[in-house]
Amino acid sequence: MRRSLAVLLVCLAPASAHASPGPDSVVVIANADVPESVALAERYVRERGVPRAQLCLLSLPEADTISLAEYEAGLLEPLRA
């Protein structure tokens, strides 16, 4: 009885619970100063069908880590604009 109820609840769950983001809900970010980053981002956009307008090329530091100020100024603010 419990198993039947669990199966019924799963079957009645809204379809949106299993939704995954589509290409039009993604932003692809690449470091404009690193040719390999741009090439990889362009390939991802092409292969995944992401609209070209959602490719965001930003001039970012090439270091493995950045400060909060660099993150906010170089990445966060341009994305919000």
C-alpha atoms as a PDB file:
ATOM      1  CA  MET A   1       0.000   0.000   0.000  1.00  0.00           C
ATOM      2  CA  ARG A   2       2.756   2.463   0.922  1.00  0.00           C
ATOM      3  CA  ARG A   3       4.698   1.609  -2.235  1.00  0.00           C
ATOM      4  CA  SER A   4       1.604   2.247  -4.389  1.00  0.00           C
ATOM      5  CA  LEU A   5       1.049   5.579  -2.678  1.00  0.00           C
ATOM      6  CA  ALA A   6       4.685   6.586  -3.257  1.00  0.00           C
ATOM      7  CA  VAL A   7       4.474   5.674  -6.944  1.00  0.00           C
ATOM      8  CA  LEU A   8       1.228   7.601  -7.284  1.00  0.00           C
ATOM      9  CA  LEU A   9       2.762  10.694  -5.651  1.00  0.00           C
ATOM     10  CA  VAL A  10       5.778  10.539  -7.979  1.00  0.00           C
ATOM     11  CA  CYS A  11       3.490  10.221 -10.991  1.00  0.00           C
ATOM     12  CA  LEU A  12       1.446  13.202  -9.859  1.00  0.00           C
ATOM     13  CA  ALA A  13       4.471  15.431  -9.224  1.00  0.00           C
ATOM     14  CA  PRO A  14       4.540  18.512 -11.455  1.00  0.00           C
ATOM     15  CA  ALA A  15       6.594  18.202 -14.627  1.00  0.00           C
ATOM     16  CA  SER A  16       8.554  21.341 -13.751  1.00  0.00           C
ATOM     17  CA  ALA A  17      10.194  19.464 -10.890  1.00  0.00           C
ATOM     18  CA  HIS A  18      12.222  17.609 -13.533  1.00  0.00           C
ATOM     19  CA  ALA A  19      12.913  20.619 -15.730  1.00  0.00           C
ATOM     20  CA  SER A  20      16.485  21.448 -16.602  1.00  0.00           C
ATOM     21  CA  PRO A  21      17.822  24.756 -17.848  1.00  0.00           C
ATOM     22  CA  GLY A  22      17.690  25.184 -21.597  1.00  0.00           C
ATOM     23  CA  PRO A  23      20.154  26.954 -23.883  1.00  0.00           C
ATOM     24  CA  ASP A  24      18.215  30.217 -23.663  1.00  0.00           C
ATOM     25  CA  SER A  25      18.582  30.369 -19.864  1.00  0.00           C
ATOM     26  CA  VAL A  26      22.383  30.129 -19.821  1.00  0.00           C
ATOM     27  CA  VAL A  27      25.114  32.762 -19.965  1.00  0.00           C
ATOM     28  CA  VAL A  28      28.526  31.587 -21.125  1.00  0.00           C
ATOM     29  CA  ILE A  29      31.404  33.650 -19.743  1.00  0.00           C
ATOM     30  CA  ALA A  30      34.894  33.666 -21.231  1.00  0.00           C
ATOM     31  CA  ASN A  31      38.038  35.634 -20.516  1.00  0.00           C
ATOM     32  CA  ALA A  32      38.450  37.881 -23.541  1.00  0.00           C
ATOM     33  CA  ASP A  33      42.198  38.093 -22.843  1.00  0.00           C
ATOM     34  CA  VAL A  34      42.756  34.319 -23.169  1.00  0.00           C
ATOM     35  CA  PRO A  35      42.288  32.963 -26.713  1.00  0.00           C
ATOM     36  CA  GLU A  36      41.756  29.411 -25.426  1.00  0.00           C
ATOM     37  CA  SER A  37      38.948  30.624 -23.142  1.00  0.00           C
ATOM     38  CA  VAL A  38      37.219  32.381 -26.027  1.00  0.00           C
ATOM     39  CA  ALA A  39      37.613  29.360 -28.328  1.00  0.00           C
ATOM     40  CA  LEU A  40      36.196  26.995 -25.714  1.00  0.00           C
ATOM     41  CA  ALA A  41      33.251  29.307 -24.987  1.00  0.00           C
ATOM     42  CA  GLU A  42      32.486  29.711 -28.689  1.00  0.00           C
ATOM     43  CA  ARG A  43      32.543  25.937 -29.163  1.00  0.00           C
ATOM     44  CA  TYR A  44      30.260  25.430 -26.156  1.00  0.00           C
ATOM     45  CA  VAL A  45      27.799  28.007 -27.521  1.00  0.00           C
ATOM     46  CA  ARG A  46      27.826  26.342 -30.933  1.00  0.00           C
ATOM     47  CA  GLU A  47      27.567  22.745 -29.678  1.00  0.00           C
ATOM     48  CA  ARG A  48      24.890  23.441 -27.046  1.00  0.00           C
ATOM     49  CA  GLY A  49      22.763  25.790 -29.140  1.00  0.00           C
ATOM     50  CA  VAL A  50      23.197  28.710 -26.773  1.00  0.00           C
ATOM     51  CA  PRO A  51      22.256  31.986 -28.490  1.00  0.00           C
ATOM     52  CA  ARG A  52      25.385  33.920 -29.472  1.00  0.00           C
ATOM     53  CA  ALA A  53      23.992  36.981 -27.654  1.00  0.00           C
ATOM     54  CA  GLN A  54      24.443  35.052 -24.408  1.00  0.00           C
ATOM     55  CA  LEU A  55      28.191  34.730 -24.858  1.00  0.00           C
ATOM     56  CA  CYS A  56      29.815  37.257 -22.543  1.00  0.00           C
ATOM     57  CA  LEU A  57      33.478  38.053 -23.195  1.00  0.00           C
ATOM     58  CA  LEU A  58      35.042  39.870 -20.242  1.00  0.00           C
ATOM     59  CA  SER A  59      38.552  41.098 -19.653  1.00  0.00           C
ATOM     60  CA  LEU A  60      39.497  39.231 -16.480  1.00  0.00           C
ATOM     61  CA  PRO A  61      42.741  38.541 -14.625  1.00  0.00           C
ATOM     62  CA  GLU A  62      44.498  35.357 -15.690  1.00  0.00           C
ATOM     63  CA  ALA A  63      45.304  34.386 -12.097  1.00  0.00           C
ATOM     64  CA  ASP A  64      43.753  31.337 -10.452  1.00  0.00           C
ATOM     65  CA  THR A  65      42.192  33.539  -7.780  1.00  0.00           C
ATOM     66  CA  ILE A  66      40.892  37.096  -7.778  1.00  0.00           C
ATOM     67  CA  SER A  67      39.940  39.514  -5.048  1.00  0.00           C
ATOM     68  CA  LEU A  68      36.355  40.339  -4.199  1.00  0.00           C
ATOM     69  CA  ALA A  69      36.842  43.805  -5.692  1.00  0.00           C
ATOM     70  CA  GLU A  70      38.121  42.295  -8.973  1.00  0.00           C
ATOM     71  CA  TYR A  71      35.189  39.865  -9.024  1.00  0.00           C
ATOM     72  CA  GLU A  72      32.631  42.591  -8.457  1.00  0.00           C
ATOM     73  CA  ALA A  73      34.152  45.053 -10.935  1.00  0.00           C
ATOM     74  CA  GLY A  74      35.230  42.614 -13.639  1.00  0.00           C
ATOM     75  CA  LEU A  75      32.508  39.976 -13.553  1.00  0.00           C
ATOM     76  CA  LEU A  76      29.479  40.831 -11.453  1.00  0.00           C
ATOM     77  CA  GLU A  77      28.869  44.406 -12.570  1.00  0.00           C
ATOM     78  CA  PRO A  78      29.187  43.692 -16.322  1.00  0.00           C
ATOM     79  CA  LEU A  79      26.725  40.804 -15.962  1.00  0.00           C
ATOM     80  CA  ARG A  80      24.238  43.024 -14.154  1.00  0.00           C
ATOM     81  CA  ALA A  81      24.466  45.723 -16.838  1.00  0.00           C
END
